[in-house]
Amino acid sequence: PLILRLETQRTQALVAKDLATAERLHAPDYQLITPGGGSYDKGGYLQAVASGDLNYLGWQIESPQLRLAPTMALIRYRAALEFASGTVRCWHTDTYELRDGQWQAVWSQATAIK
């Protein structure tokens, strides 16, 4: 499905620090809620990735589930996020909206799996 392909493209762009692709796939009003309860807006998130303050070494999508509507989509999956300090396992939920003919991530929520 298109949304799973976009989510894979988005997450791999973050791992590769492909900021042009990440910029295109995140809406201007994007917001991430981290497993620790912090938050990033789009600018802060992409800056943290670019600077290496947030340095993804890998991002695995496991057992994705989709909810689709004409202009909104939700994807939820278990994620294994690899960092230099180790692997973080979490539930990841992303909201995509169709804006001006392009799907973009608007909200992301990650919840740690203990």
N, C-alpha and C. Protein backbone atom coordinates (compact mmCIF):
# COMPACT_ATOMS: atom_id res chain seq x y z
N PRO A 1 0.83 -1.21 0.00
CA PRO A 1 0.00 0.00 0.00
C PRO A 1 0.87 1.27 0.00
N LEU A 2 0.34 2.31 -0.58
CA LEU A 2 1.07 3.57 -0.74
C LEU A 2 1.56 4.12 0.60
N ILE A 3 0.71 4.13 1.63
CA ILE A 3 1.10 4.73 2.91
C ILE A 3 2.26 3.96 3.54
N LEU A 4 2.26 2.64 3.44
CA LEU A 4 3.38 1.85 3.97
C LEU A 4 4.66 2.18 3.19
N ARG A 5 4.57 2.33 1.89
CA ARG A 5 5.75 2.71 1.09
C ARG A 5 6.25 4.10 1.50
N LEU A 6 5.33 5.03 1.72
CA LEU A 6 5.73 6.38 2.14
C LEU A 6 6.36 6.36 3.53
N GLU A 7 5.80 5.58 4.44
CA GLU A 7 6.36 5.50 5.79
C GLU A 7 7.76 4.89 5.75
N THR A 8 7.93 3.87 4.93
CA THR A 8 9.26 3.27 4.77
C THR A 8 10.23 4.28 4.17
N GLN A 9 9.79 5.01 3.16
CA GLN A 9 10.64 6.03 2.54
C GLN A 9 10.99 7.13 3.54
N ARG A 10 10.00 7.55 4.33
CA ARG A 10 10.21 8.61 5.32
C ARG A 10 11.22 8.18 6.38
N THR A 11 11.03 6.99 6.94
CA THR A 11 11.90 6.54 8.01
C THR A 11 13.32 6.27 7.50
N GLN A 12 13.43 5.71 6.31
CA GLN A 12 14.76 5.46 5.76
C GLN A 12 15.47 6.76 5.39
N ALA A 13 14.71 7.79 5.00
CA ALA A 13 15.31 9.11 4.75
C ALA A 13 15.90 9.66 6.05
N LEU A 14 15.21 9.44 7.18
CA LEU A 14 15.72 9.90 8.47
C LEU A 14 17.01 9.16 8.85
N VAL A 15 17.04 7.85 8.59
CA VAL A 15 18.24 7.06 8.87
C VAL A 15 19.41 7.54 8.00
N ALA A 16 19.13 7.80 6.72
CA ALA A 16 20.17 8.19 5.76
C ALA A 16 20.51 9.68 5.83
N LYS A 17 19.77 10.42 6.66
CA LYS A 17 19.92 11.88 6.73
C LYS A 17 19.67 12.52 5.35
N ASP A 18 18.71 11.95 4.61
CA ASP A 18 18.28 12.49 3.32
C ASP A 18 17.24 13.57 3.63
N LEU A 19 17.72 14.77 3.92
CA LEU A 19 16.84 15.83 4.41
C LEU A 19 15.89 16.35 3.33
N ALA A 20 16.26 16.27 2.07
CA ALA A 20 15.35 16.71 1.00
C ALA A 20 14.11 15.83 0.98
N THR A 21 14.30 14.51 1.07
CA THR A 21 13.16 13.60 1.10
C THR A 21 12.37 13.78 2.40
N ALA A 22 13.06 13.90 3.52
CA ALA A 22 12.38 14.10 4.80
C ALA A 22 11.57 15.39 4.79
N GLU A 23 12.12 16.45 4.24
CA GLU A 23 11.40 17.72 4.15
C GLU A 23 10.10 17.56 3.37
N ARG A 24 10.16 16.84 2.26
CA ARG A 24 8.98 16.65 1.40
C ARG A 24 7.91 15.79 2.08
N LEU A 25 8.31 14.81 2.87
CA LEU A 25 7.36 13.86 3.44
C LEU A 25 6.79 14.29 4.78
N HIS A 26 7.31 15.36 5.38
CA HIS A 26 6.78 15.89 6.65
C HIS A 26 6.04 17.19 6.37
N ALA A 27 4.81 17.28 6.85
CA ALA A 27 4.01 18.49 6.67
C ALA A 27 4.64 19.65 7.43
N PRO A 28 4.36 20.89 7.01
CA PRO A 28 4.91 22.05 7.72
C PRO A 28 4.57 22.07 9.21
N ASP A 29 3.38 21.56 9.58
CA ASP A 29 2.94 21.56 10.97
C ASP A 29 3.15 20.20 11.65
N TYR A 30 4.09 19.40 11.13
CA TYR A 30 4.41 18.08 11.69
C TYR A 30 4.80 18.19 13.16
N GLN A 31 4.41 17.17 13.93
CA GLN A 31 4.81 17.08 15.33
C GLN A 31 5.06 15.63 15.69
N LEU A 32 6.16 15.38 16.39
CA LEU A 32 6.52 14.07 16.92
C LEU A 32 6.43 14.11 18.44
N ILE A 33 5.79 13.10 19.01
CA ILE A 33 5.83 12.87 20.46
C ILE A 33 6.72 11.64 20.66
N THR A 34 7.79 11.82 21.42
CA THR A 34 8.81 10.77 21.58
C THR A 34 8.39 9.75 22.64
N PRO A 35 9.07 8.58 22.66
CA PRO A 35 8.76 7.58 23.69
C PRO A 35 8.92 8.12 25.11
N GLY A 36 9.80 9.10 25.30
CA GLY A 36 10.02 9.67 26.62
C GLY A 36 9.07 10.81 26.97
N GLY A 37 8.15 11.15 26.05
CA GLY A 37 7.16 12.19 26.33
C GLY A 37 7.56 13.57 25.85
N GLY A 38 8.70 13.69 25.21
CA GLY A 38 9.11 14.98 24.64
C GLY A 38 8.41 15.22 23.31
N SER A 39 8.62 16.39 22.75
CA SER A 39 8.02 16.66 21.44
C SER A 39 8.97 17.47 20.58
N TYR A 40 8.81 17.29 19.29
CA TYR A 40 9.55 18.05 18.28
C TYR A 40 8.55 18.58 17.27
N ASP A 41 8.77 19.81 16.80
CA ASP A 41 8.08 20.27 15.61
C ASP A 41 8.96 19.87 14.42
N LYS A 42 8.49 20.11 13.21
CA LYS A 42 9.22 19.68 12.03
C LYS A 42 10.63 20.25 12.00
N GLY A 43 10.76 21.55 12.19
CA GLY A 43 12.07 22.18 12.12
C GLY A 43 13.04 21.63 13.14
N GLY A 44 12.58 21.49 14.37
CA GLY A 44 13.43 20.96 15.43
C GLY A 44 13.82 19.51 15.20
N TYR A 45 12.88 18.73 14.68
CA TYR A 45 13.12 17.31 14.42
C TYR A 45 14.16 17.15 13.32
N LEU A 46 13.94 17.81 12.19
CA LEU A 46 14.87 17.65 11.08
C LEU A 46 16.24 18.23 11.42
N GLN A 47 16.28 19.29 12.23
CA GLN A 47 17.57 19.84 12.67
C GLN A 47 18.30 18.85 13.58
N ALA A 48 17.56 18.20 14.48
CA ALA A 48 18.17 17.21 15.37
C ALA A 48 18.74 16.03 14.57
N VAL A 49 18.02 15.62 13.51
CA VAL A 49 18.52 14.55 12.65
C VAL A 49 19.76 15.03 11.88
N ALA A 50 19.68 16.22 11.30
CA ALA A 50 20.80 16.76 10.51
C ALA A 50 22.07 16.92 11.34
N SER A 51 21.92 17.37 12.57
CA SER A 51 23.09 17.64 13.43
C SER A 51 23.65 16.37 14.07
N GLY A 52 22.88 15.29 14.05
CA GLY A 52 23.30 14.07 14.71
C GLY A 52 22.88 13.99 16.17
N ASP A 53 22.19 15.03 16.66
CA ASP A 53 21.66 14.96 18.03
C ASP A 53 20.66 13.81 18.15
N LEU A 54 19.96 13.54 17.08
CA LEU A 54 19.06 12.39 16.97
C LEU A 54 19.60 11.56 15.80
N ASN A 55 20.34 10.51 16.11
CA ASN A 55 21.08 9.77 15.09
C ASN A 55 20.55 8.35 14.96
N TYR A 56 19.59 8.18 14.05
CA TYR A 56 19.04 6.85 13.77
C TYR A 56 20.06 6.04 12.98
N LEU A 57 20.38 4.86 13.44
CA LEU A 57 21.26 3.95 12.71
C LEU A 57 20.44 2.90 11.96
N GLY A 58 19.20 2.72 12.36
CA GLY A 58 18.30 1.78 11.71
C GLY A 58 16.89 2.01 12.19
N TRP A 59 15.91 1.61 11.36
CA TRP A 59 14.49 1.78 11.71
C TRP A 59 13.74 0.65 11.04
N GLN A 60 13.31 -0.32 11.84
CA GLN A 60 12.59 -1.48 11.32
C GLN A 60 11.10 -1.33 11.60
N ILE A 61 10.29 -1.56 10.60
CA ILE A 61 8.83 -1.52 10.72
C ILE A 61 8.35 -2.96 10.81
N GLU A 62 7.63 -3.27 11.89
CA GLU A 62 7.15 -4.64 12.13
C GLU A 62 5.63 -4.65 12.25
N SER A 63 4.97 -5.52 11.53
CA SER A 63 3.52 -5.75 11.60
C SER A 63 2.70 -4.48 11.44
N PRO A 64 2.86 -3.77 10.32
CA PRO A 64 2.10 -2.53 10.13
C PRO A 64 0.61 -2.79 9.94
N GLN A 65 -0.18 -1.87 10.46
CA GLN A 65 -1.64 -1.88 10.28
C GLN A 65 -2.04 -0.51 9.76
N LEU A 66 -2.99 -0.48 8.84
CA LEU A 66 -3.41 0.77 8.20
C LEU A 66 -4.89 1.04 8.39
N ARG A 67 -5.22 2.31 8.52
CA ARG A 67 -6.60 2.81 8.50
C ARG A 67 -6.61 3.91 7.45
N LEU A 68 -7.46 3.78 6.44
CA LEU A 68 -7.45 4.71 5.32
C LEU A 68 -8.78 5.42 5.15
N ALA A 69 -8.71 6.69 4.83
CA ALA A 69 -9.87 7.50 4.44
C ALA A 69 -9.41 8.31 3.22
N PRO A 70 -10.33 8.98 2.54
CA PRO A 70 -9.93 9.67 1.31
C PRO A 70 -8.79 10.67 1.47
N THR A 71 -8.73 11.41 2.58
CA THR A 71 -7.68 12.43 2.72
C THR A 71 -6.85 12.26 3.99
N MET A 72 -7.03 11.15 4.70
CA MET A 72 -6.28 10.90 5.92
C MET A 72 -5.98 9.41 6.02
N ALA A 73 -4.81 9.10 6.55
CA ALA A 73 -4.43 7.70 6.76
C ALA A 73 -3.67 7.59 8.07
N LEU A 74 -3.87 6.48 8.75
CA LEU A 74 -3.13 6.16 9.97
C LEU A 74 -2.37 4.87 9.74
N ILE A 75 -1.13 4.86 10.18
CA ILE A 75 -0.35 3.63 10.16
C ILE A 75 0.19 3.41 11.57
N ARG A 76 0.05 2.17 12.04
CA ARG A 76 0.53 1.83 13.38
C ARG A 76 1.35 0.55 13.25
N TYR A 77 2.49 0.51 13.93
CA TYR A 77 3.35 -0.65 13.86
C TYR A 77 4.28 -0.69 15.06
N ARG A 78 4.88 -1.86 15.27
CA ARG A 78 5.97 -1.96 16.23
C ARG A 78 7.23 -1.57 15.50
N ALA A 79 8.06 -0.77 16.15
CA ALA A 79 9.30 -0.30 15.53
C ALA A 79 10.49 -0.71 16.38
N ALA A 80 11.58 -1.00 15.71
CA ALA A 80 12.87 -1.20 16.36
C ALA A 80 13.77 -0.08 15.84
N LEU A 81 14.05 0.88 16.72
CA LEU A 81 14.87 2.05 16.36
C LEU A 81 16.28 1.81 16.89
N GLU A 82 17.25 1.82 16.00
CA GLU A 82 18.63 1.54 16.38
C GLU A 82 19.40 2.84 16.54
N PHE A 83 20.04 2.98 17.70
CA PHE A 83 20.89 4.12 18.02
C PHE A 83 22.25 3.57 18.47
N ALA A 84 23.24 4.42 18.55
CA ALA A 84 24.56 4.00 19.04
C ALA A 84 24.45 3.40 20.44
N SER A 85 23.50 3.89 21.23
CA SER A 85 23.33 3.43 22.61
C SER A 85 22.54 2.13 22.71
N GLY A 86 21.97 1.66 21.60
CA GLY A 86 21.21 0.42 21.61
C GLY A 86 19.91 0.55 20.84
N THR A 87 19.09 -0.47 20.93
CA THR A 87 17.82 -0.52 20.20
C THR A 87 16.67 -0.14 21.12
N VAL A 88 15.82 0.74 20.63
CA VAL A 88 14.60 1.13 21.33
C VAL A 88 13.43 0.48 20.60
N ARG A 89 12.63 -0.26 21.34
CA ARG A 89 11.41 -0.86 20.75
C ARG A 89 10.22 -0.03 21.19
N CYS A 90 9.36 0.28 20.23
CA CYS A 90 8.21 1.11 20.55
C CYS A 90 7.07 0.83 19.59
N TRP A 91 5.88 1.23 20.01
CA TRP A 91 4.75 1.33 19.11
C TRP A 91 4.88 2.68 18.42
N HIS A 92 4.64 2.70 17.13
CA HIS A 92 4.73 3.95 16.37
C HIS A 92 3.42 4.14 15.63
N THR A 93 2.80 5.29 15.79
CA THR A 93 1.57 5.64 15.07
C THR A 93 1.82 6.94 14.33
N ASP A 94 1.51 6.93 13.04
CA ASP A 94 1.70 8.12 12.21
C ASP A 94 0.40 8.47 11.51
N THR A 95 0.09 9.76 11.49
CA THR A 95 -1.06 10.28 10.77
C THR A 95 -0.55 10.98 9.52
N TYR A 96 -1.10 10.58 8.39
CA TYR A 96 -0.79 11.21 7.11
C TYR A 96 -2.03 11.94 6.62
N GLU A 97 -1.83 13.07 5.97
CA GLU A 97 -2.92 13.80 5.33
C GLU A 97 -2.55 14.04 3.87
N LEU A 98 -3.57 14.00 3.01
CA LEU A 98 -3.40 14.32 1.60
C LEU A 98 -3.57 15.83 1.45
N ARG A 99 -2.47 16.50 1.12
CA ARG A 99 -2.48 17.96 1.00
C ARG A 99 -1.92 18.35 -0.37
N ASP A 100 -2.71 19.10 -1.12
CA ASP A 100 -2.30 19.53 -2.46
C ASP A 100 -1.79 18.36 -3.29
N GLY A 101 -2.48 17.24 -3.20
CA GLY A 101 -2.15 16.08 -4.01
C GLY A 101 -1.00 15.23 -3.50
N GLN A 102 -0.45 15.55 -2.34
CA GLN A 102 0.67 14.80 -1.80
C GLN A 102 0.40 14.37 -0.36
N TRP A 103 0.66 13.11 -0.07
CA TRP A 103 0.55 12.60 1.30
C TRP A 103 1.76 13.05 2.10
N GLN A 104 1.49 13.59 3.31
CA GLN A 104 2.56 14.01 4.20
C GLN A 104 2.26 13.56 5.63
N ALA A 105 3.32 13.21 6.36
CA ALA A 105 3.17 12.89 7.78
C ALA A 105 2.88 14.18 8.54
N VAL A 106 1.86 14.12 9.40
CA VAL A 106 1.44 15.29 10.18
C VAL A 106 1.74 15.08 11.66
N TRP A 107 1.39 13.93 12.17
CA TRP A 107 1.64 13.60 13.58
C TRP A 107 2.32 12.24 13.66
N SER A 108 3.26 12.12 14.58
CA SER A 108 3.86 10.83 14.92
C SER A 108 3.87 10.70 16.45
N GLN A 109 3.56 9.50 16.90
CA GLN A 109 3.55 9.22 18.34
C GLN A 109 4.28 7.90 18.54
N ALA A 110 5.29 7.92 19.39
CA ALA A 110 6.03 6.71 19.71
C ALA A 110 5.85 6.41 21.19
N THR A 111 5.50 5.15 21.50
CA THR A 111 5.29 4.73 22.88
C THR A 111 6.23 3.56 23.16
N ALA A 112 7.07 3.71 24.16
CA ALA A 112 8.06 2.67 24.48
C ALA A 112 7.37 1.36 24.84
N ILE A 113 7.95 0.26 24.39
CA ILE A 113 7.53 -1.08 24.78
C ILE A 113 8.51 -1.53 25.84
N LYS A 114 8.02 -1.78 27.02
CA LYS A 114 8.88 -2.18 28.14
C LYS A 114 9.14 -3.67 28.09
